[in-house]
């Protein structure tokens, strides 16, 4: 029986099934011929609390560290500025940060503002989980309780997440991936924090990934208008409706078919495309599209830790951006939409030599 990872309710609906998938955050060495283990990748929506989640556990290998996108760094700076404007970062305050499995810690920038880590075992004035750490926890209720336990009685918790509303609006079904156990919406997150004894008093929205939310929560307090507005907006978008969330299943076929057609057209025209960004969200997309090295010669990535490896579930190598430029492809498939401004600045040679960037990060290839 499936039980909710947050509220333990047994009632819910399977809303997305991506079949058996390889670990999407471990990129095997190129010389490793595979096949690597695969695991079921499904999404279940709790009918009681509205949390979207993976119902299946998987024993995943360690992941190589990726390069932090400039878009994520900008969002962090914007979020810190917004929190500071609300008077929540007084000099001399202490902070505890949750896990940062993808990097992007807030601590260096907070230290520059006079906010320093709390001593071991000391309750912190500020607890930050804003770099998508909590979603990696199989036991959502216990993991959130640990964050709340680290909070001083009058402290503030900052909880950030890529919103399920944005995933639905952008047909970003490939945001669902192994090892990321929870997919939060504003109404689900507000309820989850309330069960942990916290009131969400402020809700901040940022454009990263089509919609990233930062909630400000504390013991006591009253929600301001931003909380009710975001909860109402996301509820109207269908984040609690299994029929609406289940529409992601149709998006899978549309986007994988579009990618396959585009890649095969480039190949058949004797002008094979290259990929850019060996991101975890690219894994299921490439795997379900059935692409091989003969279709897509390589995926370039700026992270040295990923170069010399291959995309999971296929034989497509991951190479340095210099290899992409040397190949002078006419088409470069970008697997993370938010990277477009920075890759155009970093790699102007693509367009200068007559190539084009094609956004494959959200919905069908465009």
Protein backbone atom coordinates (compact mmCIF):
# COMPACT_ATOMS: atom_id res chain seq x y z
CA UNK A 1 0.00 0.00 0.00
CA UNK A 2 1.22 3.49 -0.84
CA UNK A 3 1.26 5.92 2.06
CA UNK A 4 1.99 9.61 1.83
CA UNK A 5 5.56 10.53 2.71
CA UNK A 6 4.29 13.58 4.61
CA UNK A 7 0.88 12.91 6.17
CA UNK A 8 0.90 9.07 5.96
CA UNK A 9 -2.55 8.95 4.33
CA UNK A 10 -3.13 5.87 2.13
CA UNK A 11 -5.45 7.58 -0.36
CA UNK A 12 -4.20 9.07 -3.59
CA UNK A 13 -3.78 8.67 -7.33
CA UNK A 14 -0.98 7.64 -9.63
CA UNK A 15 -0.74 10.58 -12.03
CA UNK A 16 2.42 9.83 -14.05
CA UNK A 17 4.25 6.65 -15.00
CA UNK A 18 7.61 6.94 -16.77
CA UNK A 19 8.35 3.24 -16.63
CA UNK A 20 11.78 1.87 -15.70
CA UNK A 21 14.44 4.58 -15.65
CA UNK A 22 18.19 4.67 -14.95
CA UNK A 23 19.47 6.81 -12.09
CA UNK A 24 19.21 10.31 -13.45
CA UNK A 25 21.90 11.94 -11.32
CA UNK A 26 24.64 9.38 -11.87
CA UNK A 27 26.44 9.55 -15.20
CA UNK A 28 28.47 6.37 -15.84
CA UNK A 29 32.04 6.56 -17.14
CA UNK A 30 32.13 6.41 -20.92
CA UNK A 31 34.08 3.16 -20.84
CA UNK A 32 31.36 1.52 -18.72
CA UNK A 33 29.22 -0.27 -21.34
CA UNK A 34 26.26 -0.79 -19.02
CA UNK A 35 23.50 -1.59 -18.79
CA UNK A 36 23.01 0.16 -15.49
CA UNK A 37 20.21 -0.63 -13.03
CA UNK A 38 16.77 0.82 -13.70
CA UNK A 39 14.02 1.69 -11.25
CA UNK A 40 10.30 2.48 -11.54
CA UNK A 41 9.63 6.20 -11.86
CA UNK A 42 6.06 7.12 -11.00
CA UNK A 43 4.33 10.16 -9.49
CA UNK A 44 1.56 9.83 -6.90
CA UNK A 45 -0.68 12.65 -5.67
CA UNK A 46 -1.88 12.38 -2.07
CA UNK A 47 -5.63 12.90 -1.89
CA UNK A 48 -5.41 14.03 1.74
CA UNK A 49 -2.64 16.67 1.78
CA UNK A 50 -1.97 17.25 -1.92
CA UNK A 51 1.73 16.40 -1.89
CA UNK A 52 2.95 15.00 -5.22
CA UNK A 53 5.62 12.39 -4.62
CA UNK A 54 7.44 9.30 -5.81
CA UNK A 55 5.76 6.26 -4.24
CA UNK A 56 8.78 4.02 -4.88
CA UNK A 57 12.18 4.01 -3.18
CA UNK A 58 15.39 3.37 -5.13
CA UNK A 59 18.95 2.64 -4.02
CA UNK A 60 20.78 5.19 -6.18
CA UNK A 61 24.53 5.60 -6.72
CA UNK A 62 26.38 8.78 -5.78
CA UNK A 63 26.21 11.60 -8.26
CA UNK A 64 29.01 13.71 -9.78
CA UNK A 65 28.91 17.35 -8.81
CA UNK A 66 27.59 19.61 -11.54
CA UNK A 67 28.45 23.22 -12.30
CA UNK A 68 26.01 25.69 -10.73
CA UNK A 69 24.02 27.51 -13.42
CA UNK A 70 24.21 31.29 -13.36
CA UNK A 71 20.39 31.35 -13.32
CA UNK A 72 20.37 29.52 -9.98
CA UNK A 73 22.98 31.90 -8.54
CA UNK A 74 20.89 34.88 -9.65
CA UNK A 75 17.77 33.45 -8.06
CA UNK A 76 19.61 32.90 -4.79
CA UNK A 77 20.86 36.49 -4.80
CA UNK A 78 17.34 37.77 -5.54
CA UNK A 79 15.86 35.63 -2.78
CA UNK A 80 18.42 36.78 -0.22
CA UNK A 81 17.75 40.40 -1.18
CA UNK A 82 13.98 39.90 -0.79
CA UNK A 83 14.39 38.24 2.60
CA UNK A 84 16.73 41.00 3.73
CA UNK A 85 14.21 43.65 2.69
CA UNK A 86 11.75 42.00 5.07
CA UNK A 87 14.15 42.46 7.97
CA UNK A 88 14.79 38.73 8.37
CA UNK A 89 18.59 38.88 8.15
CA UNK A 90 19.75 41.04 11.07
CA UNK A 91 23.50 41.20 11.59
CA UNK A 92 24.53 38.81 14.34
CA UNK A 93 21.76 36.30 13.62
CA UNK A 94 22.63 32.62 13.38
CA UNK A 95 21.72 30.21 10.59
CA UNK A 96 21.46 26.49 9.97
CA UNK A 97 21.20 25.27 6.40
CA UNK A 98 19.56 22.08 5.20
CA UNK A 99 21.22 19.74 2.74
CA UNK A 100 22.50 21.28 -0.51
CA UNK A 101 22.89 18.21 -2.74
CA UNK A 102 23.24 20.33 -5.88
CA UNK A 103 25.45 23.01 -4.37
CA UNK A 104 24.33 26.62 -4.17
CA UNK A 105 24.69 27.13 -0.43
CA UNK A 106 23.34 30.37 1.03
CA UNK A 107 25.97 30.45 3.77
CA UNK A 108 28.73 32.47 2.05
CA UNK A 109 26.36 35.26 1.03
CA UNK A 110 24.69 35.28 4.45
CA UNK A 111 28.10 35.50 6.14
CA UNK A 112 28.82 38.64 4.11
CA UNK A 113 25.68 40.12 5.70
CA UNK A 114 26.77 39.21 9.23
CA UNK A 115 24.65 36.07 9.56
CA UNK A 116 26.83 33.15 10.66
CA UNK A 117 26.29 29.41 11.22
CA UNK A 118 24.86 28.38 14.56
CA UNK A 119 27.05 26.26 16.79
CA UNK A 120 26.42 22.52 16.78
CA UNK A 121 23.24 21.79 18.71
CA UNK A 122 22.37 25.48 19.07
CA UNK A 123 18.91 26.56 17.85
CA UNK A 124 19.26 28.95 14.93
CA UNK A 125 17.51 32.23 14.26
CA UNK A 126 17.24 31.23 10.63
CA UNK A 127 16.91 27.76 9.08
CA UNK A 128 17.30 27.66 5.31
CA UNK A 129 16.18 24.88 2.97
CA UNK A 130 16.10 26.83 -0.27
CA UNK A 131 18.26 24.77 -2.62
CA UNK A 132 15.88 21.84 -3.09
CA UNK A 133 17.37 19.69 -0.35
CA UNK A 134 14.17 18.51 1.35
CA UNK A 135 12.82 16.90 -1.80
CA UNK A 136 15.68 14.37 -1.63
CA UNK A 137 14.35 12.95 1.66
CA UNK A 138 12.28 9.74 1.48
CA UNK A 139 10.69 10.46 4.88
CA UNK A 140 9.32 13.94 4.36
CA UNK A 141 7.71 14.28 7.77
CA UNK A 142 10.86 13.28 9.68
CA UNK A 143 13.16 15.43 7.53
CA UNK A 144 10.98 18.51 8.00
CA UNK A 145 10.83 17.83 11.75
CA UNK A 146 14.63 17.93 11.87
CA UNK A 147 14.63 21.36 10.25
CA UNK A 148 11.99 22.64 12.67
CA UNK A 149 13.90 21.21 15.64
CA UNK A 150 16.93 23.27 14.59
CA UNK A 151 14.87 26.47 14.77
CA UNK A 152 14.97 28.84 17.74
CA UNK A 153 11.55 29.50 19.35
CA UNK A 154 11.17 32.83 17.55
CA UNK A 155 13.20 31.81 14.49
CA UNK A 156 12.30 31.76 10.81
CA UNK A 157 12.37 28.86 8.35
CA UNK A 158 12.92 29.62 4.66
CA UNK A 159 11.65 26.82 2.44
CA UNK A 160 12.17 26.97 -1.31
CA UNK A 161 10.90 24.69 -4.06
CA UNK A 162 10.27 24.41 -7.79
CA UNK A 163 6.50 24.62 -7.80
CA UNK A 164 4.27 21.86 -9.11
CA UNK A 165 2.20 24.65 -10.68
CA UNK A 166 5.18 25.58 -12.87
CA UNK A 167 5.74 21.93 -13.76
CA UNK A 168 2.13 21.70 -14.95
CA UNK A 169 2.13 25.03 -16.79
CA UNK A 170 5.33 24.20 -18.66
CA UNK A 171 4.60 20.49 -19.16
CA UNK A 172 7.87 19.86 -17.34
CA UNK A 173 7.22 16.17 -16.73
CA UNK A 174 10.97 15.54 -16.84
CA UNK A 175 11.35 17.51 -13.61
CA UNK A 176 10.12 14.25 -12.05
CA UNK A 177 13.18 12.11 -11.45
CA UNK A 178 14.63 9.40 -9.29
CA UNK A 179 15.91 10.54 -5.91
CA UNK A 180 13.62 13.58 -5.85
CA UNK A 181 10.85 12.22 -3.69
CA UNK A 182 8.55 15.25 -3.27
CA UNK A 183 7.09 17.90 -5.62
CA UNK A 184 5.55 20.72 -3.66
CA UNK A 185 2.75 23.11 -4.44
CA UNK A 186 1.93 26.15 -2.33
CA UNK A 187 -1.22 24.60 -0.77
CA UNK A 188 0.56 21.30 -0.03
CA UNK A 189 3.63 23.03 1.43
CA UNK A 190 1.60 25.39 3.61
CA UNK A 191 -0.29 22.40 5.01
CA UNK A 192 2.89 20.39 5.53
CA UNK A 193 4.49 23.26 7.47
CA UNK A 194 1.32 23.72 9.53
CA UNK A 195 1.44 20.06 10.57
CA UNK A 196 5.01 20.71 11.71
CA UNK A 197 3.83 23.61 13.88
CA UNK A 198 4.76 26.51 11.60
CA UNK A 199 2.68 29.27 10.00
CA UNK A 200 3.63 30.52 6.55
CA UNK A 201 3.62 34.30 6.83
CA UNK A 202 5.10 35.31 3.45
CA UNK A 203 5.23 33.73 0.01
CA UNK A 204 7.79 34.88 -2.56
CA UNK A 205 7.77 33.84 -6.23
CA UNK A 206 10.73 33.81 -8.63
CA UNK A 207 10.86 32.94 -12.36
CA UNK A 208 13.56 30.25 -12.08
CA UNK A 209 12.43 27.00 -13.77
CA UNK A 210 9.14 28.66 -14.69
CA UNK A 211 8.19 29.24 -11.06
CA UNK A 212 10.21 28.80 -7.87
CA UNK A 213 8.63 29.63 -4.52
CA UNK A 214 10.21 30.66 -1.22
CA UNK A 215 7.99 30.40 1.85
CA UNK A 216 8.72 32.21 5.12
CA UNK A 217 7.44 30.20 8.09
CA UNK A 218 7.57 30.62 11.86
CA UNK A 219 5.84 29.59 15.06
CA UNK A 220 2.87 31.88 15.43
CA UNK A 221 2.37 34.90 13.21
CA UNK A 222 -0.27 35.60 10.60
CA UNK A 223 -0.15 34.95 6.85
CA UNK A 224 -0.02 38.06 4.72
CA UNK A 225 -1.94 38.48 1.47
CA UNK A 226 0.84 36.92 -0.60
CA UNK A 227 0.23 33.51 0.96
CA UNK A 228 -3.50 33.40 0.27
CA UNK A 229 -2.96 34.72 -3.25
CA UNK A 230 -0.36 32.08 -4.15
CA UNK A 231 -2.36 29.24 -2.60
CA UNK A 232 -5.48 30.34 -4.48
CA UNK A 233 -3.62 30.76 -7.77
CA UNK A 234 -1.96 27.34 -7.61
CA UNK A 235 -5.15 25.62 -6.48
CA UNK A 236 -6.97 27.14 -9.45
CA UNK A 237 -4.16 25.83 -11.68
CA UNK A 238 -5.08 22.29 -10.61
CA UNK A 239 -2.17 21.29 -8.38
CA UNK A 240 -4.55 19.34 -6.10
CA UNK A 241 -6.56 17.81 -8.96
CA UNK A 242 -5.34 14.36 -10.01
CA UNK A 243 -6.98 14.78 -13.42
CA UNK A 244 -5.03 17.97 -14.10
CA UNK A 245 -1.71 16.66 -12.76
CA UNK A 246 -2.28 13.46 -14.73
CA UNK A 247 -2.18 15.55 -17.91
CA UNK A 248 1.60 15.35 -17.63
CA UNK A 249 1.33 11.81 -19.01
CA UNK A 250 0.13 13.14 -22.37
CA UNK A 251 2.99 15.66 -22.40
CA UNK A 252 5.52 12.81 -22.24
CA UNK A 253 4.57 11.48 -25.65
CA UNK A 254 4.39 14.95 -27.19
CA UNK A 255 7.84 16.04 -26.07
CA UNK A 256 9.66 12.75 -26.68
CA UNK A 257 8.10 12.42 -30.14
CA UNK A 258 9.04 16.00 -31.00
CA UNK A 259 12.61 15.48 -29.82
CA UNK A 260 12.97 12.24 -31.77
CA UNK A 261 11.63 13.81 -34.97
CA UNK A 262 13.95 16.81 -34.64
CA UNK A 263 17.08 14.74 -33.91
CA UNK A 264 16.36 12.29 -36.72
CA UNK A 265 15.72 15.15 -39.16
CA UNK A 266 19.12 16.65 -38.33
CA UNK A 267 20.79 13.27 -38.65
CA UNK A 268 19.10 12.47 -41.97
CA UNK A 269 20.13 15.85 -43.33
CA UNK A 270 23.75 14.92 -42.55
CA UNK A 271 23.87 17.73 -39.98
CA UNK A 272 23.53 15.93 -36.64
CA UNK A 273 22.65 18.08 -33.68
CA UNK A 274 24.46 18.25 -30.36
CA UNK A 275 22.92 18.41 -26.92
CA UNK A 276 23.82 20.90 -24.21
CA UNK A 277 23.52 20.34 -20.44
CA UNK A 278 23.79 16.81 -19.07
CA UNK A 279 21.22 17.70 -16.45
CA UNK A 280 19.26 15.11 -14.52
CA UNK A 281 16.06 16.32 -16.18
CA UNK A 282 17.55 15.43 -19.60
CA UNK A 283 18.00 11.77 -18.71
CA UNK A 284 14.41 10.52 -18.94
CA UNK A 285 13.77 12.70 -21.99
CA UNK A 286 16.71 11.26 -23.95
CA UNK A 287 16.08 7.74 -22.64
CA UNK A 288 12.36 7.68 -23.52
CA UNK A 289 13.07 9.22 -26.93
CA UNK A 290 15.31 6.21 -27.59
CA UNK A 291 18.25 8.32 -28.71
CA UNK A 292 21.70 6.83 -29.27
CA UNK A 293 25.10 8.19 -30.23
CA UNK A 294 24.28 7.60 -33.90
CA UNK A 295 21.41 10.06 -33.50
CA UNK A 296 22.97 12.58 -31.12
CA UNK A 297 26.79 12.49 -31.22
CA UNK A 298 27.32 14.12 -27.81
CA UNK A 299 25.91 16.28 -25.04
CA UNK A 300 28.18 19.13 -23.93
CA UNK A 301 28.33 20.21 -20.29
CA UNK A 302 30.43 22.77 -18.44
CA UNK A 303 31.00 20.48 -15.43
CA UNK A 304 34.42 18.77 -15.59
CA UNK A 305 33.01 16.04 -13.31
CA UNK A 306 30.56 14.98 -16.02
CA UNK A 307 32.89 15.20 -18.99
CA UNK A 308 34.19 11.80 -20.10
CA UNK A 309 31.00 10.15 -18.89
CA UNK A 310 27.84 9.25 -20.77
CA UNK A 311 24.14 9.89 -20.51
CA UNK A 312 22.50 7.18 -18.39
CA UNK A 313 20.60 4.57 -20.34
CA UNK A 314 22.34 5.36 -23.62
CA UNK A 315 25.82 5.50 -25.19
CA UNK A 316 25.79 9.27 -25.83
CA UNK A 317 29.04 10.80 -24.46
CA UNK A 318 29.28 13.95 -22.37
CA UNK A 319 31.94 16.33 -23.64
CA UNK A 320 33.39 19.73 -22.86
CA UNK A 321 31.78 22.75 -24.57
CA UNK A 322 34.94 23.14 -26.66
CA UNK A 323 34.12 19.85 -28.38
CA UNK A 324 30.71 21.20 -29.34
CA UNK A 325 32.25 24.37 -30.79
CA UNK A 326 34.80 22.36 -32.77
CA UNK A 327 31.98 20.33 -34.35
CA UNK A 328 30.15 23.52 -35.48
CA UNK A 329 26.68 21.92 -35.28
CA UNK A 330 23.80 23.64 -37.00
CA UNK A 331 21.44 22.63 -34.16
CA UNK A 332 22.14 22.57 -30.41
CA UNK A 333 19.43 21.07 -28.21
CA UNK A 334 19.30 22.85 -24.87
CA UNK A 335 17.93 20.59 -22.14
CA UNK A 336 17.52 23.27 -19.42
CA UNK A 337 15.56 26.29 -20.60
CA UNK A 338 16.87 28.69 -17.94
CA UNK A 339 20.40 28.29 -19.28
CA UNK A 340 19.65 29.95 -22.62
CA UNK A 341 20.81 33.50 -21.79
CA UNK A 342 24.07 32.35 -20.23
CA UNK A 343 24.98 29.79 -22.89
CA UNK A 344 24.37 32.31 -25.65
CA UNK A 345 26.77 34.66 -23.87
CA UNK A 346 29.31 31.93 -23.11
CA UNK A 347 29.20 30.27 -26.52
CA UNK A 348 28.49 33.00 -29.11
CA UNK A 349 30.35 30.88 -31.67
CA UNK A 350 27.28 28.64 -32.03
CA UNK A 351 25.17 31.35 -33.63
CA UNK A 352 28.12 33.15 -35.21
CA UNK A 353 28.82 30.02 -37.27
CA UNK A 354 25.19 29.70 -38.35
CA UNK A 355 23.95 27.38 -35.66
CA UNK A 356 20.80 27.69 -33.58
CA UNK A 357 19.79 26.85 -30.03
CA UNK A 358 16.60 24.78 -29.70
CA UNK A 359 14.87 24.82 -26.30
CA UNK A 360 14.06 21.23 -25.31
CA UNK A 361 13.88 21.93 -21.58
CA UNK A 362 10.12 22.28 -21.12
CA UNK A 363 7.40 20.80 -23.22
CA UNK A 364 7.90 19.85 -26.87
CA UNK A 365 11.07 20.98 -28.62
CA UNK A 366 10.65 24.54 -29.86
